[in-house]
């Protein structure tokens, strides 16, 4: 995929997320790792109104080279790429949103993970989602905790593709913007189901989880 196509893809994904209510106002951001740097949505940009030519481009060291001013979450995205590449070398896209149901869950509890193993597709497509304690937007402490979580889960054999920032929203990552969006969609839908159920449903048991690992390579 050329850089022009990547820019168009970021804007297409941003518009889709905005139109369906996964982001609102100027919340959320999207980045893609290039061979020589990164593209990321500008700070305070509306994901529903992105201009491919105005996306921020930064070099491999995080220095901006063109476009509007990069989102303040660039440091977090770079830490995610760095940590995730050890377990998923093809990680190329990070999406952050303020998805309603995911954020709502963090207002109700402070456990180690956002959700239990509720559905087979959540287990297969998302996997475990560590809950990161609240820090202000852009705080380096949050980036450090996310990187540590990626390493911790990966080293125990269950690499993750999402982390939830308490009171802020999820960060998800995958090989392409479309694949990362699919992770986000499954995560938000499962959070919605969990809230609708009153957080009472029993999770899938060990035998069913083993079956998903054996049949589909689920990371749980």
C-alpha atoms as a PDB file:
ATOM      1  CA  UNK A   1       0.000   0.000   0.000  1.00  0.00           C
ATOM      2  CA  UNK A   2       1.389   3.420  -0.968  1.00  0.00           C
ATOM      3  CA  UNK A   3       1.507   6.345   1.441  1.00  0.00           C
ATOM      4  CA  UNK A   4      -1.255   8.023  -0.566  1.00  0.00           C
ATOM      5  CA  UNK A   5      -3.464   4.952  -0.100  1.00  0.00           C
ATOM      6  CA  UNK A   6      -2.643   4.816   3.623  1.00  0.00           C
ATOM      7  CA  UNK A   7      -3.648   8.462   4.028  1.00  0.00           C
ATOM      8  CA  UNK A   8      -6.941   7.786   2.277  1.00  0.00           C
ATOM      9  CA  UNK A   9      -7.504   4.697   4.426  1.00  0.00           C
ATOM     10  CA  UNK A  10      -6.936   6.606   7.676  1.00  0.00           C
ATOM     11  CA  UNK A  11      -9.516   9.190   6.623  1.00  0.00           C
ATOM     12  CA  UNK A  12     -12.002   6.534   5.518  1.00  0.00           C
ATOM     13  CA  UNK A  13     -11.693   4.695   8.836  1.00  0.00           C
ATOM     14  CA  UNK A  14     -11.949   7.946  10.781  1.00  0.00           C
ATOM     15  CA  UNK A  15     -15.142   8.916   8.980  1.00  0.00           C
ATOM     16  CA  UNK A  16     -16.642   5.466   9.537  1.00  0.00           C
ATOM     17  CA  UNK A  17     -15.889   5.577  13.263  1.00  0.00           C
ATOM     18  CA  UNK A  18     -17.317   9.089  13.578  1.00  0.00           C
ATOM     19  CA  UNK A  19     -20.477   8.369  11.594  1.00  0.00           C
ATOM     20  CA  UNK A  20     -21.255   5.316  13.754  1.00  0.00           C
ATOM     21  CA  UNK A  21     -20.626   7.052  17.082  1.00  0.00           C
ATOM     22  CA  UNK A  22     -17.378   5.357  18.106  1.00  0.00           C
ATOM     23  CA  UNK A  23     -15.852   8.837  18.404  1.00  0.00           C
ATOM     24  CA  UNK A  24     -17.381  12.272  18.864  1.00  0.00           C
ATOM     25  CA  UNK A  25     -16.294  15.897  18.518  1.00  0.00           C
ATOM     26  CA  UNK A  26     -12.463  15.878  18.403  1.00  0.00           C
ATOM     27  CA  UNK A  27     -11.980  12.724  20.471  1.00  0.00           C
ATOM     28  CA  UNK A  28      -9.828   9.864  19.239  1.00  0.00           C
ATOM     29  CA  UNK A  29      -6.870   9.420  16.933  1.00  0.00           C
ATOM     30  CA  UNK A  30      -5.417   7.033  14.371  1.00  0.00           C
ATOM     31  CA  UNK A  31      -1.812   6.352  13.450  1.00  0.00           C
ATOM     32  CA  UNK A  32      -0.010   4.118  10.967  1.00  0.00           C
ATOM     33  CA  UNK A  33       3.632   3.042  11.175  1.00  0.00           C
ATOM     34  CA  UNK A  34       5.555   3.622   7.954  1.00  0.00           C
ATOM     35  CA  UNK A  35       8.954   2.250   7.022  1.00  0.00           C
ATOM     36  CA  UNK A  36      10.577   5.583   7.900  1.00  0.00           C
ATOM     37  CA  UNK A  37       8.214   7.106  10.453  1.00  0.00           C
ATOM     38  CA  UNK A  38       4.519   7.524  11.223  1.00  0.00           C
ATOM     39  CA  UNK A  39       1.331   9.139  10.006  1.00  0.00           C
ATOM     40  CA  UNK A  40      -1.062  10.302  12.728  1.00  0.00           C
ATOM     41  CA  UNK A  41      -4.201  12.383  12.893  1.00  0.00           C
ATOM     42  CA  UNK A  42      -3.629  15.999  13.977  1.00  0.00           C
ATOM     43  CA  UNK A  43      -4.259  17.215  17.502  1.00  0.00           C
ATOM     44  CA  UNK A  44      -7.888  18.157  18.171  1.00  0.00           C
ATOM     45  CA  UNK A  45      -8.969  16.916  14.736  1.00  0.00           C
ATOM     46  CA  UNK A  46     -12.457  15.560  14.126  1.00  0.00           C
ATOM     47  CA  UNK A  47     -12.067  12.028  12.772  1.00  0.00           C
ATOM     48  CA  UNK A  48     -15.142  12.559  10.632  1.00  0.00           C
ATOM     49  CA  UNK A  49     -13.541  15.468   8.757  1.00  0.00           C
ATOM     50  CA  UNK A  50      -9.956  14.420   8.114  1.00  0.00           C
ATOM     51  CA  UNK A  51      -7.995  15.686   5.105  1.00  0.00           C
ATOM     52  CA  UNK A  52      -5.447  13.157   3.767  1.00  0.00           C
ATOM     53  CA  UNK A  53      -3.002  15.937   2.855  1.00  0.00           C
ATOM     54  CA  UNK A  54      -3.096  17.467   6.364  1.00  0.00           C
ATOM     55  CA  UNK A  55      -2.339  14.344   8.398  1.00  0.00           C
ATOM     56  CA  UNK A  56       0.761  14.759  10.532  1.00  0.00           C
ATOM     57  CA  UNK A  57       3.869  12.953   9.317  1.00  0.00           C
ATOM     58  CA  UNK A  58       6.690  12.323  11.775  1.00  0.00           C
ATOM     59  CA  UNK A  59      10.032  10.605  11.365  1.00  0.00           C
ATOM     60  CA  UNK A  60      11.202   7.480  13.184  1.00  0.00           C
ATOM     61  CA  UNK A  61      12.328   9.619  16.136  1.00  0.00           C
ATOM     62  CA  UNK A  62       8.964  11.322  16.529  1.00  0.00           C
ATOM     63  CA  UNK A  63       9.978  14.637  14.947  1.00  0.00           C
ATOM     64  CA  UNK A  64       7.278  16.168  12.791  1.00  0.00           C
ATOM     65  CA  UNK A  65       8.193  16.675   9.135  1.00  0.00           C
ATOM     66  CA  UNK A  66       4.887  17.744   7.537  1.00  0.00           C
ATOM     67  CA  UNK A  67       1.167  18.238   8.037  1.00  0.00           C
ATOM     68  CA  UNK A  68      -0.704  19.750  10.955  1.00  0.00           C
ATOM     69  CA  UNK A  69       0.516  19.368  14.528  1.00  0.00           C
ATOM     70  CA  UNK A  70       0.517  15.709  15.567  1.00  0.00           C
ATOM     71  CA  UNK A  71      -1.874  14.388  18.201  1.00  0.00           C
ATOM     72  CA  UNK A  72      -0.559  14.581  21.744  1.00  0.00           C
ATOM     73  CA  UNK A  73      -0.986  10.803  21.990  1.00  0.00           C
ATOM     74  CA  UNK A  74       1.856  10.199  19.527  1.00  0.00           C
ATOM     75  CA  UNK A  75       4.139   9.186  22.399  1.00  0.00           C
ATOM     76  CA  UNK A  76       1.652   6.523  23.517  1.00  0.00           C
ATOM     77  CA  UNK A  77       1.266   5.196  19.987  1.00  0.00           C
ATOM     78  CA  UNK A  78       5.033   4.936  19.556  1.00  0.00           C
ATOM     79  CA  UNK A  79       5.333   2.986  22.825  1.00  0.00           C
ATOM     80  CA  UNK A  80       2.603   0.614  21.645  1.00  0.00           C
ATOM     81  CA  UNK A  81       4.358  -0.026  18.327  1.00  0.00           C
ATOM     82  CA  UNK A  82       7.663  -0.591  20.076  1.00  0.00           C
ATOM     83  CA  UNK A  83       6.255  -3.051  22.609  1.00  0.00           C
ATOM     84  CA  UNK A  84       3.811  -4.863  20.291  1.00  0.00           C
ATOM     85  CA  UNK A  85       6.369  -5.441  17.522  1.00  0.00           C
ATOM     86  CA  UNK A  86       8.143  -7.950  19.739  1.00  0.00           C
ATOM     87  CA  UNK A  87       5.097 -10.242  19.625  1.00  0.00           C
ATOM     88  CA  UNK A  88       3.346  -9.065  16.434  1.00  0.00           C
ATOM     89  CA  UNK A  89       5.997  -7.681  14.059  1.00  0.00           C
ATOM     90  CA  UNK A  90       3.400  -6.640  11.482  1.00  0.00           C
ATOM     91  CA  UNK A  91       1.652  -4.197  13.847  1.00  0.00           C
ATOM     92  CA  UNK A  92       1.101  -1.141  11.669  1.00  0.00           C
ATOM     93  CA  UNK A  93      -1.943   0.726  12.985  1.00  0.00           C
ATOM     94  CA  UNK A  94      -3.111   2.045  16.363  1.00  0.00           C
ATOM     95  CA  UNK A  95      -6.596   3.441  16.935  1.00  0.00           C
ATOM     96  CA  UNK A  96      -7.699   5.276  20.073  1.00  0.00           C
ATOM     97  CA  UNK A  97     -11.335   6.209  20.723  1.00  0.00           C
ATOM     98  CA  UNK A  98     -13.543   7.290  23.613  1.00  0.00           C
ATOM     99  CA  UNK A  99     -16.098   4.542  22.869  1.00  0.00           C
ATOM    100  CA  UNK A 100     -19.112   4.993  25.139  1.00  0.00           C
ATOM    101  CA  UNK A 101     -19.674   1.523  26.562  1.00  0.00           C
ATOM    102  CA  UNK A 102     -15.988   0.799  27.133  1.00  0.00           C
ATOM    103  CA  UNK A 103     -15.570   4.056  29.049  1.00  0.00           C
ATOM    104  CA  UNK A 104     -18.786   3.448  30.996  1.00  0.00           C
ATOM    105  CA  UNK A 105     -17.408   0.154  32.300  1.00  0.00           C
ATOM    106  CA  UNK A 106     -14.352   1.893  33.731  1.00  0.00           C
ATOM    107  CA  UNK A 107     -16.626   4.163  35.776  1.00  0.00           C
ATOM    108  CA  UNK A 108     -18.078   1.123  37.542  1.00  0.00           C
ATOM    109  CA  UNK A 109     -15.075  -0.967  38.505  1.00  0.00           C
ATOM    110  CA  UNK A 110     -11.309  -0.974  38.659  1.00  0.00           C
ATOM    111  CA  UNK A 111     -10.324  -4.562  37.986  1.00  0.00           C
ATOM    112  CA  UNK A 112      -7.213  -5.795  36.224  1.00  0.00           C
ATOM    113  CA  UNK A 113      -9.070  -6.362  32.925  1.00  0.00           C
ATOM    114  CA  UNK A 114     -11.993  -4.602  31.287  1.00  0.00           C
ATOM    115  CA  UNK A 115     -14.032  -7.672  30.339  1.00  0.00           C
ATOM    116  CA  UNK A 116     -14.241 -11.407  31.007  1.00  0.00           C
ATOM    117  CA  UNK A 117     -14.362 -14.017  28.231  1.00  0.00           C
ATOM    118  CA  UNK A 118     -18.015 -13.396  27.366  1.00  0.00           C
ATOM    119  CA  UNK A 119     -18.326 -14.447  23.727  1.00  0.00           C
ATOM    120  CA  UNK A 120     -16.244 -16.577  21.365  1.00  0.00           C
ATOM    121  CA  UNK A 121     -15.629 -13.705  18.963  1.00  0.00           C
ATOM    122  CA  UNK A 122     -14.442 -11.414  21.738  1.00  0.00           C
ATOM    123  CA  UNK A 123     -11.951 -14.095  22.785  1.00  0.00           C
ATOM    124  CA  UNK A 124     -10.872 -14.754  19.184  1.00  0.00           C
ATOM    125  CA  UNK A 125     -10.806 -11.235  17.735  1.00  0.00           C
ATOM    126  CA  UNK A 126      -9.851  -9.114  20.743  1.00  0.00           C
ATOM    127  CA  UNK A 127      -8.437 -11.188  23.579  1.00  0.00           C
ATOM    128  CA  UNK A 128      -7.575  -9.903  27.011  1.00  0.00           C
ATOM    129  CA  UNK A 129      -7.860  -6.161  27.623  1.00  0.00           C
ATOM    130  CA  UNK A 130      -5.863  -4.859  30.602  1.00  0.00           C
ATOM    131  CA  UNK A 131      -7.371  -1.869  32.369  1.00  0.00           C
ATOM    132  CA  UNK A 132      -4.856   0.938  32.854  1.00  0.00           C
ATOM    133  CA  UNK A 133      -5.484   3.237  35.872  1.00  0.00           C
ATOM    134  CA  UNK A 134      -6.480   6.807  35.098  1.00  0.00           C
ATOM    135  CA  UNK A 135      -3.820   9.333  34.126  1.00  0.00           C
ATOM    136  CA  UNK A 136      -4.366  12.668  32.398  1.00  0.00           C
ATOM    137  CA  UNK A 137      -4.547  12.578  28.581  1.00  0.00           C
ATOM    138  CA  UNK A 138      -1.060  12.314  27.109  1.00  0.00           C
ATOM    139  CA  UNK A 139       0.567  11.368  30.429  1.00  0.00           C
ATOM    140  CA  UNK A 140       3.855   9.460  29.918  1.00  0.00           C
ATOM    141  CA  UNK A 141       2.973   7.258  32.908  1.00  0.00           C
ATOM    142  CA  UNK A 142       0.021   5.818  30.996  1.00  0.00           C
ATOM    143  CA  UNK A 143       2.211   5.062  27.981  1.00  0.00           C
ATOM    144  CA  UNK A 144       4.665   3.262  30.234  1.00  0.00           C
ATOM    145  CA  UNK A 145       1.922   1.166  31.836  1.00  0.00           C
ATOM    146  CA  UNK A 146       0.484   0.188  28.448  1.00  0.00           C
ATOM    147  CA  UNK A 147       3.925  -0.863  27.196  1.00  0.00           C
ATOM    148  CA  UNK A 148       4.483  -2.883  30.367  1.00  0.00           C
ATOM    149  CA  UNK A 149       1.109  -4.611  29.937  1.00  0.00           C
ATOM    150  CA  UNK A 150       1.891  -5.531  26.321  1.00  0.00           C
ATOM    151  CA  UNK A 151       5.191  -7.059  27.444  1.00  0.00           C
ATOM    152  CA  UNK A 152       3.703  -8.853  30.442  1.00  0.00           C
ATOM    153  CA  UNK A 153       0.890 -10.511  28.495  1.00  0.00           C
ATOM    154  CA  UNK A 154       3.113 -11.320  25.545  1.00  0.00           C
ATOM    155  CA  UNK A 155       5.750 -12.998  27.701  1.00  0.00           C
ATOM    156  CA  UNK A 156       3.166 -15.280  29.257  1.00  0.00           C
ATOM    157  CA  UNK A 157       1.958 -16.403  25.839  1.00  0.00           C
ATOM    158  CA  UNK A 158      -1.205 -14.314  25.424  1.00  0.00           C
ATOM    159  CA  UNK A 159      -0.222 -11.306  23.279  1.00  0.00           C
ATOM    160  CA  UNK A 160      -2.810  -8.540  23.397  1.00  0.00           C
ATOM    161  CA  UNK A 161      -4.260  -6.210  20.773  1.00  0.00           C
ATOM    162  CA  UNK A 162      -6.014  -3.746  23.075  1.00  0.00           C
ATOM    163  CA  UNK A 163      -5.568  -1.829  26.321  1.00  0.00           C
ATOM    164  CA  UNK A 164      -8.186   0.288  28.074  1.00  0.00           C
ATOM    165  CA  UNK A 165      -7.339   3.652  29.614  1.00  0.00           C
ATOM    166  CA  UNK A 166      -9.695   4.227  32.540  1.00  0.00           C
ATOM    167  CA  UNK A 167     -12.103   7.138  31.986  1.00  0.00           C
ATOM    168  CA  UNK A 168     -10.595   7.814  28.547  1.00  0.00           C
ATOM    169  CA  UNK A 169     -11.007   4.941  26.124  1.00  0.00           C
ATOM    170  CA  UNK A 170      -9.515   1.941  24.372  1.00  0.00           C
ATOM    171  CA  UNK A 171      -6.350   1.708  22.326  1.00  0.00           C
ATOM    172  CA  UNK A 172      -6.333  -1.104  19.770  1.00  0.00           C
ATOM    173  CA  UNK A 173      -3.687  -2.158  17.255  1.00  0.00           C
ATOM    174  CA  UNK A 174      -3.304  -4.495  14.287  1.00  0.00           C
ATOM    175  CA  UNK A 175      -1.714  -4.852  10.852  1.00  0.00           C
ATOM    176  CA  UNK A 176      -4.000  -2.397   9.000  1.00  0.00           C
ATOM    177  CA  UNK A 177      -6.498   0.341   9.864  1.00  0.00           C
ATOM    178  CA  UNK A 178      -9.372  -1.928   8.816  1.00  0.00           C
ATOM    179  CA  UNK A 179      -8.137  -4.786  11.010  1.00  0.00           C
ATOM    180  CA  UNK A 180      -7.633  -2.452  13.983  1.00  0.00           C
ATOM    181  CA  UNK A 181     -11.142  -1.060  13.496  1.00  0.00           C
ATOM    182  CA  UNK A 182     -12.538  -4.601  13.580  1.00  0.00           C
ATOM    183  CA  UNK A 183     -10.865  -5.166  16.969  1.00  0.00           C
ATOM    184  CA  UNK A 184     -12.383  -1.927  18.251  1.00  0.00           C
ATOM    185  CA  UNK A 185     -15.852  -2.835  16.975  1.00  0.00           C
ATOM    186  CA  UNK A 186     -15.810  -6.234  18.680  1.00  0.00           C
ATOM    187  CA  UNK A 187     -14.493  -4.699  21.911  1.00  0.00           C
ATOM    188  CA  UNK A 188     -17.152  -1.972  22.065  1.00  0.00           C
ATOM    189  CA  UNK A 189     -19.932  -4.415  21.165  1.00  0.00           C
ATOM    190  CA  UNK A 190     -18.869  -6.777  23.962  1.00  0.00           C
ATOM    191  CA  UNK A 191     -18.755  -3.905  26.454  1.00  0.00           C
ATOM    192  CA  UNK A 192     -22.284  -2.985  25.365  1.00  0.00           C
ATOM    193  CA  UNK A 193     -23.495  -6.565  25.880  1.00  0.00           C
ATOM    194  CA  UNK A 194     -21.864  -6.709  29.317  1.00  0.00           C
ATOM    195  CA  UNK A 195     -23.643  -3.531  30.394  1.00  0.00           C
ATOM    196  CA  UNK A 196     -26.988  -4.672  28.964  1.00  0.00           C
ATOM    197  CA  UNK A 197     -26.637  -7.941  30.866  1.00  0.00           C
ATOM    198  CA  UNK A 198     -26.003  -6.121  34.124  1.00  0.00           C
ATOM    199  CA  UNK A 199     -22.534  -7.700  34.277  1.00  0.00           C
ATOM    200  CA  UNK A 200     -23.993 -10.990  35.495  1.00  0.00           C
ATOM    201  CA  UNK A 201     -23.252 -13.483  32.707  1.00  0.00           C
ATOM    202  CA  UNK A 202     -20.820 -16.296  33.463  1.00  0.00           C
ATOM    203  CA  UNK A 203     -17.712 -16.227  31.251  1.00  0.00           C
ATOM    204  CA  UNK A 204     -16.784 -19.074  28.937  1.00  0.00           C
ATOM    205  CA  UNK A 205     -15.274 -21.910  30.958  1.00  0.00           C
ATOM    206  CA  UNK A 206     -11.777 -23.376  30.573  1.00  0.00           C
ATOM    207  CA  UNK A 207     -12.908 -26.203  28.287  1.00  0.00           C
ATOM    208  CA  UNK A 208     -14.541 -23.779  25.833  1.00  0.00           C
ATOM    209  CA  UNK A 209     -11.552 -21.444  25.946  1.00  0.00           C
ATOM    210  CA  UNK A 210      -9.234 -24.372  25.234  1.00  0.00           C
ATOM    211  CA  UNK A 211     -11.403 -25.271  22.239  1.00  0.00           C
ATOM    212  CA  UNK A 212     -11.110 -21.713  20.874  1.00  0.00           C
ATOM    213  CA  UNK A 213      -7.344 -21.761  21.348  1.00  0.00           C
ATOM    214  CA  UNK A 214      -7.032 -25.140  19.637  1.00  0.00           C
ATOM    215  CA  UNK A 215      -9.408 -24.417  16.752  1.00  0.00           C
ATOM    216  CA  UNK A 216      -8.727 -20.744  16.051  1.00  0.00           C
ATOM    217  CA  UNK A 217      -5.485 -19.825  17.801  1.00  0.00           C
ATOM    218  CA  UNK A 218      -7.315 -17.583  20.262  1.00  0.00           C
ATOM    219  CA  UNK A 219      -5.000 -15.672  22.597  1.00  0.00           C
ATOM    220  CA  UNK A 220      -6.555 -16.291  25.976  1.00  0.00           C
END
